[in-house]
Amino acid sequence: MTRQVLSNRFTELLAIKARREKRRISQREVARETGLAKRTVDSYARNEVTRYDAPVVLALCNYLGCDAGELLVIEDVEDPQMQTALLLA
């Protein structure tokens, strides 16, 4: 079985921005330029965010030159716990 999760494309969009600008962009630079905490930027980079605050999403979208729908995506993922539950039922 699958379940849906909300994830972000921060790392992908940052790589696109870096290629477009022909330079390396560090997460520390993103934090400095957006005014966000480095820990927040790191959480987005690792896709470990579980709460999406509007000011953070807006700051990242403005920096990356994207819309919220480009940054945040809904994905279907395999859920092994649901598979096990079905087998045991």
C-alpha atoms as a PDB file:
ATOM      1  CA  MET A   1       0.000   0.000   0.000  1.00  0.00           C
ATOM      2  CA  THR A   2       1.025   3.562  -0.462  1.00  0.00           C
ATOM      3  CA  ARG A   3       0.459   6.694   1.555  1.00  0.00           C
ATOM      4  CA  GLN A   4       0.865  10.328   0.641  1.00  0.00           C
ATOM      5  CA  VAL A   5       3.490  12.587   2.181  1.00  0.00           C
ATOM      6  CA  LEU A   6       4.223  16.268   1.788  1.00  0.00           C
ATOM      7  CA  SER A   7       7.859  16.831   0.889  1.00  0.00           C
ATOM      8  CA  ASN A   8       9.931  19.650  -0.484  1.00  0.00           C
ATOM      9  CA  ARG A   9      12.192  20.175  -3.490  1.00  0.00           C
ATOM     10  CA  PHE A  10      14.536  22.638  -1.770  1.00  0.00           C
ATOM     11  CA  THR A  11      17.759  20.825  -2.665  1.00  0.00           C
ATOM     12  CA  GLU A  12      16.710  20.365  -6.296  1.00  0.00           C
ATOM     13  CA  LEU A  13      15.615  23.987  -6.683  1.00  0.00           C
ATOM     14  CA  LEU A  14      18.809  25.230  -5.011  1.00  0.00           C
ATOM     15  CA  ALA A  15      20.881  23.182  -7.481  1.00  0.00           C
ATOM     16  CA  ILE A  16      18.920  24.699 -10.382  1.00  0.00           C
ATOM     17  CA  LYS A  17      19.551  28.214  -9.019  1.00  0.00           C
ATOM     18  CA  ALA A  18      23.265  27.438  -8.596  1.00  0.00           C
ATOM     19  CA  ARG A  19      23.525  26.145 -12.180  1.00  0.00           C
ATOM     20  CA  ARG A  20      21.646  29.159 -13.492  1.00  0.00           C
ATOM     21  CA  GLU A  21      23.992  31.511 -11.621  1.00  0.00           C
ATOM     22  CA  LYS A  22      27.070  29.365 -12.399  1.00  0.00           C
ATOM     23  CA  ARG A  23      28.233  29.202  -8.799  1.00  0.00           C
ATOM     24  CA  ARG A  24      28.028  27.089  -5.675  1.00  0.00           C
ATOM     25  CA  ILE A  25      25.416  28.209  -3.135  1.00  0.00           C
ATOM     26  CA  SER A  26      25.860  26.971   0.418  1.00  0.00           C
ATOM     27  CA  GLN A  27      23.063  26.400   2.891  1.00  0.00           C
ATOM     28  CA  ARG A  28      24.797  28.948   5.136  1.00  0.00           C
ATOM     29  CA  GLU A  29      24.450  31.514   2.331  1.00  0.00           C
ATOM     30  CA  VAL A  30      20.760  30.683   1.929  1.00  0.00           C
ATOM     31  CA  ALA A  31      20.258  31.212   5.671  1.00  0.00           C
ATOM     32  CA  ARG A  32      22.127  34.521   5.588  1.00  0.00           C
ATOM     33  CA  GLU A  33      20.307  35.831   2.480  1.00  0.00           C
ATOM     34  CA  THR A  34      16.817  34.785   3.642  1.00  0.00           C
ATOM     35  CA  GLY A  35      17.187  35.612   7.327  1.00  0.00           C
ATOM     36  CA  LEU A  36      16.208  32.045   8.210  1.00  0.00           C
ATOM     37  CA  ALA A  37      17.984  30.013  10.868  1.00  0.00           C
ATOM     38  CA  LYS A  38      20.664  27.680   9.496  1.00  0.00           C
ATOM     39  CA  ARG A  39      18.947  24.809  11.288  1.00  0.00           C
ATOM     40  CA  THR A  40      15.732  25.559   9.374  1.00  0.00           C
ATOM     41  CA  VAL A  41      17.561  25.574   6.035  1.00  0.00           C
ATOM     42  CA  ASP A  42      19.332  22.333   7.004  1.00  0.00           C
ATOM     43  CA  SER A  43      15.974  20.715   7.817  1.00  0.00           C
ATOM     44  CA  TYR A  44      14.644  21.660   4.396  1.00  0.00           C
ATOM     45  CA  ALA A  45      17.803  20.337   2.740  1.00  0.00           C
ATOM     46  CA  ARG A  46      17.385  16.982   4.506  1.00  0.00           C
ATOM     47  CA  ASN A  47      13.624  17.013   3.792  1.00  0.00           C
ATOM     48  CA  GLU A  48      12.918  16.561   7.495  1.00  0.00           C
ATOM     49  CA  VAL A  49      10.356  19.361   7.822  1.00  0.00           C
ATOM     50  CA  THR A  50       6.996  18.341   9.273  1.00  0.00           C
ATOM     51  CA  ARG A  51       5.535  21.812   9.799  1.00  0.00           C
ATOM     52  CA  TYR A  52       5.557  24.316   6.963  1.00  0.00           C
ATOM     53  CA  ASP A  53       5.366  27.874   8.270  1.00  0.00           C
ATOM     54  CA  ALA A  54       4.167  30.442   5.750  1.00  0.00           C
ATOM     55  CA  PRO A  55       6.974  32.983   6.372  1.00  0.00           C
ATOM     56  CA  VAL A  56       9.628  30.276   5.847  1.00  0.00           C
ATOM     57  CA  VAL A  57       8.004  28.972   2.666  1.00  0.00           C
ATOM     58  CA  LEU A  58       7.646  32.528   1.367  1.00  0.00           C
ATOM     59  CA  ALA A  59      11.307  33.367   2.133  1.00  0.00           C
ATOM     60  CA  LEU A  60      12.549  30.210   0.383  1.00  0.00           C
ATOM     61  CA  CYS A  61      10.281  30.729  -2.614  1.00  0.00           C
ATOM     62  CA  ASN A  62      11.445  34.325  -2.987  1.00  0.00           C
ATOM     63  CA  TYR A  63      15.096  33.258  -2.753  1.00  0.00           C
ATOM     64  CA  LEU A  64      14.733  30.308  -5.138  1.00  0.00           C
ATOM     65  CA  GLY A  65      12.464  32.165  -7.567  1.00  0.00           C
ATOM     66  CA  CYS A  66       9.639  29.636  -7.380  1.00  0.00           C
ATOM     67  CA  ASP A  67       6.042  29.245  -6.244  1.00  0.00           C
ATOM     68  CA  ALA A  68       4.958  27.284  -3.169  1.00  0.00           C
ATOM     69  CA  GLY A  69       3.597  24.569  -5.475  1.00  0.00           C
ATOM     70  CA  GLU A  70       7.051  24.116  -6.954  1.00  0.00           C
ATOM     71  CA  LEU A  71       8.729  23.915  -3.542  1.00  0.00           C
ATOM     72  CA  LEU A  72       6.185  21.667  -1.811  1.00  0.00           C
ATOM     73  CA  VAL A  73       4.952  18.482  -3.458  1.00  0.00           C
ATOM     74  CA  ILE A  74       2.688  15.590  -2.491  1.00  0.00           C
ATOM     75  CA  GLU A  75       4.271  12.210  -3.152  1.00  0.00           C
ATOM     76  CA  ASP A  76       3.029   8.650  -2.929  1.00  0.00           C
ATOM     77  CA  VAL A  77       5.391   6.420  -0.945  1.00  0.00           C
ATOM     78  CA  GLU A  78       5.325   2.739  -0.126  1.00  0.00           C
ATOM     79  CA  ASP A  79       4.296   2.124   3.472  1.00  0.00           C
ATOM     80  CA  PRO A  80       5.720  -1.194   4.690  1.00  0.00           C
ATOM     81  CA  GLN A  81       3.705  -0.984   7.928  1.00  0.00           C
ATOM     82  CA  MET A  82       0.458  -0.922   5.941  1.00  0.00           C
ATOM     83  CA  GLN A  83       1.684  -3.920   3.906  1.00  0.00           C
ATOM     84  CA  THR A  84       2.406  -5.862   7.115  1.00  0.00           C
ATOM     85  CA  ALA A  85      -0.976  -4.957   8.582  1.00  0.00           C
ATOM     86  CA  LEU A  86      -2.737  -6.287   5.484  1.00  0.00           C
ATOM     87  CA  LEU A  87      -0.780  -9.543   5.599  1.00  0.00           C
ATOM     88  CA  LEU A  88      -1.655 -10.087   9.268  1.00  0.00           C
ATOM     89  CA  ALA A  89      -5.348  -9.293   8.834  1.00  0.00           C
END
